[in-house]
Amino acid sequence: MSGAQVQIYVITVVATVPPESIVDELKDHGLRVKQVLAALGQIIGEGSEQAAMAVRALDAVESVDAQQTYRALGDGH
């Protein structure tokens, strides 16, 4: 199992912390921040599972979830 595989993660920040305030800290832990969704209290980023584990340990982080892709049934022609 390789920790180098890059995955997209949705990071949910605790309600008392503005998401913008932890972007640098996420980057310091190896996550590449793609988008900050301040109104939702979430940050979209990519990195290895090792980076995600490090980010999960931060006090300001409520959860770190791998992005899921869904396809509607009957989407084919």
Protein backbone atom coordinates (compact mmCIF):
# COMPACT_ATOMS: atom_id res chain seq x y z
CA MET A 1 0.00 0.00 0.00
CA SER A 2 1.57 3.28 -1.11
CA GLY A 3 1.12 6.54 0.78
CA ALA A 4 2.18 8.50 -2.32
CA GLN A 5 -1.11 8.14 -4.21
CA VAL A 6 -2.82 11.53 -4.52
CA GLN A 7 -6.48 11.78 -3.53
CA ILE A 8 -8.96 14.67 -3.37
CA TYR A 9 -10.19 15.38 0.18
CA VAL A 10 -12.99 17.45 1.66
CA ILE A 11 -11.83 18.95 4.95
CA THR A 12 -14.58 20.16 7.30
CA VAL A 13 -13.39 22.81 9.74
CA VAL A 14 -14.86 23.20 13.25
CA ALA A 15 -17.59 25.85 13.37
CA THR A 16 -15.57 28.28 15.50
CA VAL A 17 -12.65 28.49 13.05
CA PRO A 18 -12.73 30.41 9.74
CA PRO A 19 -11.51 27.98 7.04
CA GLU A 20 -9.21 30.62 5.52
CA SER A 21 -7.25 30.78 8.77
CA ILE A 22 -5.90 27.20 8.52
CA VAL A 23 -4.95 27.07 4.83
CA ASP A 24 -1.24 27.62 5.56
CA GLU A 25 -1.30 24.94 8.25
CA LEU A 26 -2.87 22.46 5.83
CA LYS A 27 -0.18 23.26 3.27
CA ASP A 28 2.52 22.75 5.93
CA HIS A 29 1.16 19.22 6.44
CA GLY A 30 1.47 18.39 2.72
CA LEU A 31 -2.04 19.14 1.48
CA ARG A 32 -2.41 21.17 -1.70
CA VAL A 33 -5.43 23.45 -1.21
CA LYS A 34 -7.63 23.67 -4.31
CA GLN A 35 -10.67 25.60 -3.03
CA VAL A 36 -11.91 27.21 0.19
CA LEU A 37 -15.68 27.00 0.69
CA ALA A 38 -15.91 29.47 3.57
CA ALA A 39 -19.73 29.56 3.67
CA LEU A 40 -19.78 25.77 4.15
CA GLY A 41 -16.81 25.62 6.50
CA GLN A 42 -14.99 23.30 4.13
CA ILE A 43 -11.74 23.18 2.19
CA ILE A 44 -11.08 21.04 -0.89
CA GLY A 45 -7.52 19.81 -1.21
CA GLU A 46 -5.41 17.03 -2.59
CA GLY A 47 -2.60 15.02 -1.17
CA SER A 48 -1.47 11.63 0.04
CA GLU A 49 -3.17 9.57 2.73
CA GLN A 50 -0.23 10.48 4.97
CA ALA A 51 -1.04 14.19 4.51
CA ALA A 52 -4.72 13.50 5.24
CA MET A 53 -3.80 11.66 8.44
CA ALA A 54 -1.66 14.60 9.58
CA VAL A 55 -4.49 17.05 8.82
CA ARG A 56 -7.01 14.89 10.73
CA ALA A 57 -4.93 15.42 13.88
CA LEU A 58 -5.35 19.22 13.79
CA ASP A 59 -7.64 20.73 16.44
CA ALA A 60 -9.34 23.00 13.89
CA VAL A 61 -10.32 20.05 11.66
CA GLU A 62 -13.62 18.28 12.29
CA SER A 63 -13.28 15.67 9.52
CA VAL A 64 -11.32 14.70 6.41
CA ASP A 65 -13.21 12.70 3.80
CA ALA A 66 -12.04 11.35 0.46
CA GLN A 67 -14.05 12.83 -2.39
CA GLN A 68 -16.73 10.51 -3.78
CA THR A 69 -17.88 10.44 -7.40
CA TYR A 70 -21.44 9.44 -8.22
CA ARG A 71 -23.02 8.59 -11.56
CA ALA A 72 -26.75 8.55 -12.19
CA LEU A 73 -28.27 5.24 -13.26
CA GLY A 74 -29.22 5.16 -16.91
CA ASP A 75 -26.58 7.76 -17.76
CA GLY A 76 -25.40 5.74 -20.77
CA HIS A 77 -26.85 5.95 -24.27
